[in-house]
C-alpha atoms as a PDB file:
ATOM      1  CA  MET A   1     -10.128 -14.794   3.948  1.00  0.00           C
ATOM      2  CA  ASN A   2      -8.657 -12.455   6.734  1.00  0.00           C
ATOM      3  CA  TRP A   3      -8.572  -8.596   6.219  1.00  0.00           C
ATOM      4  CA  PHE A   4      -5.251  -6.739   6.694  1.00  0.00           C
ATOM      5  CA  LEU A   5      -4.411  -3.027   6.995  1.00  0.00           C
ATOM      6  CA  TYR A   6      -1.122  -2.281   4.457  1.00  0.00           C
ATOM      7  CA  ARG A   7       0.342   0.747   5.454  1.00  0.00           C
ATOM      8  CA  LEU A   8       3.169   2.159   2.602  1.00  0.00           C
ATOM      9  CA  LEU A   9       5.332   4.427   3.966  1.00  0.00           C
ATOM     10  CA  PRO A  10       7.511   7.321   2.469  1.00  0.00           C
ATOM     11  CA  PRO A  11      11.144   8.201   3.003  1.00  0.00           C
ATOM     12  CA  ARG A  12      10.302  11.552   4.089  1.00  0.00           C
ATOM     13  CA  PRO A  13       7.280  13.434   4.987  1.00  0.00           C
ATOM     14  CA  ASP A  14       6.870  15.983   2.189  1.00  0.00           C
ATOM     15  CA  PHE A  15       7.068  13.477  -0.125  1.00  0.00           C
ATOM     16  CA  ALA A  16       3.902  13.481  -1.712  1.00  0.00           C
ATOM     17  CA  MET A  17       4.953  17.119  -2.928  1.00  0.00           C
ATOM     18  CA  THR A  18       8.838  16.472  -3.534  1.00  0.00           C
ATOM     19  CA  MET A  19       9.140  13.298  -5.111  1.00  0.00           C
ATOM     20  CA  ASP A  20      12.065  13.205  -7.763  1.00  0.00           C
ATOM     21  CA  GLU A  21      10.808  11.272 -11.181  1.00  0.00           C
ATOM     22  CA  ARG A  22      12.455   8.204 -10.550  1.00  0.00           C
ATOM     23  CA  GLU A  23      10.260   8.151  -7.188  1.00  0.00           C
ATOM     24  CA  GLY A  24       7.071   9.332  -9.522  1.00  0.00           C
ATOM     25  CA  ALA A  25       7.873   6.740 -11.511  1.00  0.00           C
ATOM     26  CA  ALA A  26       7.707   3.989  -8.904  1.00  0.00           C
ATOM     27  CA  MET A  27       4.669   5.213  -7.651  1.00  0.00           C
ATOM     28  CA  ALA A  28       3.121   5.222 -10.526  1.00  0.00           C
ATOM     29  CA  ALA A  29       3.549   1.838 -11.094  1.00  0.00           C
ATOM     30  CA  HIS A  30       2.715   0.891  -7.130  1.00  0.00           C
ATOM     31  CA  SER A  31      -0.668   2.386  -7.841  1.00  0.00           C
ATOM     32  CA  GLU A  32      -0.778   0.184 -11.042  1.00  0.00           C
ATOM     33  CA  TYR A  33       0.256  -2.318  -9.500  1.00  0.00           C
ATOM     34  CA  TRP A  34      -2.404  -2.301  -6.834  1.00  0.00           C
ATOM     35  CA  ARG A  35      -5.414  -1.488  -9.243  1.00  0.00           C
ATOM     36  CA  GLY A  36      -4.414  -4.903 -10.658  1.00  0.00           C
ATOM     37  CA  HIS A  37      -5.283  -6.302  -7.060  1.00  0.00           C
ATOM     38  CA  LEU A  38      -8.222  -4.295  -6.797  1.00  0.00           C
ATOM     39  CA  ASP A  39      -9.588  -5.636  -9.830  1.00  0.00           C
ATOM     40  CA  ALA A  40      -8.637  -9.044  -8.778  1.00  0.00           C
ATOM     41  CA  GLY A  41     -10.446  -8.618  -5.544  1.00  0.00           C
ATOM     42  CA  ARG A  42      -7.698  -8.504  -3.211  1.00  0.00           C
ATOM     43  CA  THR A  43      -8.308  -5.216  -2.214  1.00  0.00           C
ATOM     44  CA  ILE A  44     -11.581  -3.281  -1.137  1.00  0.00           C
ATOM     45  CA  VAL A  45      -9.703   0.505  -1.384  1.00  0.00           C
ATOM     46  CA  PHE A  46      -6.488   1.690  -1.229  1.00  0.00           C
ATOM     47  CA  GLY A  47      -5.028   5.598  -1.911  1.00  0.00           C
ATOM     48  CA  PRO A  48      -3.322   8.359   0.173  1.00  0.00           C
ATOM     49  CA  VAL A  49      -4.224   9.805   3.496  1.00  0.00           C
ATOM     50  CA  ALA A  50      -3.588  12.890   4.422  1.00  0.00           C
ATOM     51  CA  ASP A  51      -2.246  12.881   7.454  1.00  0.00           C
ATOM     52  CA  PRO A  52      -0.862  16.053   9.291  1.00  0.00           C
ATOM     53  CA  ALA A  53       2.510  14.201  10.131  1.00  0.00           C
ATOM     54  CA  GLY A  54       2.793  13.316   6.361  1.00  0.00           C
ATOM     55  CA  VAL A  55       0.942  11.537   3.669  1.00  0.00           C
ATOM     56  CA  TRP A  56       1.035   7.280   3.820  1.00  0.00           C
ATOM     57  CA  GLY A  57      -0.602   5.122   1.870  1.00  0.00           C
ATOM     58  CA  LEU A  58      -3.541   3.025   2.871  1.00  0.00           C
ATOM     59  CA  GLY A  59      -4.647  -0.555   1.368  1.00  0.00           C
ATOM     60  CA  ILE A  60      -7.485  -2.837   2.826  1.00  0.00           C
ATOM     61  CA  VAL A  61      -6.133  -6.190   1.372  1.00  0.00           C
ATOM     62  CA  ASN A  62      -7.199  -9.699   2.028  1.00  0.00           C
ATOM     63  CA  GLY A  63      -5.216 -12.854   2.172  1.00  0.00           C
ATOM     64  CA  GLU A  64      -5.535 -16.109   4.307  1.00  0.00           C
ATOM     65  CA  THR A  65      -2.186 -15.317   6.154  1.00  0.00           C
ATOM     66  CA  ILE A  66      -0.525 -12.259   7.145  1.00  0.00           C
ATOM     67  CA  GLU A  67       2.471 -14.132   4.851  1.00  0.00           C
ATOM     68  CA  ASP A  68      -0.006 -13.932   2.311  1.00  0.00           C
ATOM     69  CA  VAL A  69      -0.551 -10.183   2.323  1.00  0.00           C
ATOM     70  CA  THR A  70       3.156  -9.799   3.177  1.00  0.00           C
ATOM     71  CA  ALA A  71       3.740 -11.420  -0.164  1.00  0.00           C
ATOM     72  CA  LEU A  72       1.974  -8.622  -2.247  1.00  0.00           C
ATOM     73  CA  ALA A  73       3.309  -5.706  -0.665  1.00  0.00           C
ATOM     74  CA  GLU A  74       7.166  -7.326  -1.475  1.00  0.00           C
ATOM     75  CA  GLY A  75       5.878  -7.322  -4.926  1.00  0.00           C
ATOM     76  CA  ASP A  76       5.033  -3.888  -4.696  1.00  0.00           C
ATOM     77  CA  PRO A  77       6.757  -1.589  -7.109  1.00  0.00           C
ATOM     78  CA  ALA A  78       7.662   1.454  -4.414  1.00  0.00           C
ATOM     79  CA  VAL A  79       9.173  -1.183  -2.097  1.00  0.00           C
ATOM     80  CA  VAL A  80      11.080  -3.096  -4.745  1.00  0.00           C
ATOM     81  CA  ALA A  81      12.606   0.482  -5.955  1.00  0.00           C
ATOM     82  CA  GLY A  82      13.243   1.672  -2.286  1.00  0.00           C
ATOM     83  CA  VAL A  83      11.330   4.050  -2.437  1.00  0.00           C
ATOM     84  CA  ALA A  84       8.727   3.307   0.689  1.00  0.00           C
ATOM     85  CA  ARG A  85       8.347   0.933   3.241  1.00  0.00           C
ATOM     86  CA  PHE A  86       5.125  -1.165   4.772  1.00  0.00           C
ATOM     87  CA  GLU A  87       3.677  -2.597   7.914  1.00  0.00           C
ATOM     88  CA  ILE A  88       0.841  -4.842   7.814  1.00  0.00           C
ATOM     89  CA  LEU A  89      -1.703  -4.985  10.824  1.00  0.00           C
ATOM     90  CA  PRO A  90      -4.501  -7.584  10.858  1.00  0.00           C
ATOM     91  CA  MET A  91      -7.951  -6.614  11.653  1.00  0.00           C
ATOM     92  CA  LEU A  92      -9.414  -7.942  13.792  1.00  0.00           C
ATOM     93  CA  SER A  93     -12.895  -7.681  11.761  1.00  0.00           C
ATOM     94  CA  ALA A  94     -14.031  -6.177   9.442  1.00  0.00           C
ATOM     95  CA  VAL A  95     -17.613  -5.237   8.122  1.00  0.00           C
ATOM     96  CA  THR A  96     -17.569  -4.881   3.866  1.00  0.00           C
ATOM     97  CA  ARG A  97     -20.627  -4.936   1.715  1.00  0.00           C
END
């Protein structure tokens, strides 16, 4: 397995504090979606990052190829709802427990 950084990018820097009801519902579904992948062992961590430039989401996800992880990202309810976009970056190496 290879490890990838999944970066969820919100539509605006203050998104975490200003999301509306529709955005909040998409983000709740997003959390449940990634919790399922955590429970299945596809990710080892996910959560929001308190970047001074604006909060964004981080996940460390495993897959055989970047296409595998892209397929997971494209199924993220926040992405499907148009609430966020994503970047996937391959990790050159990863040390895990």
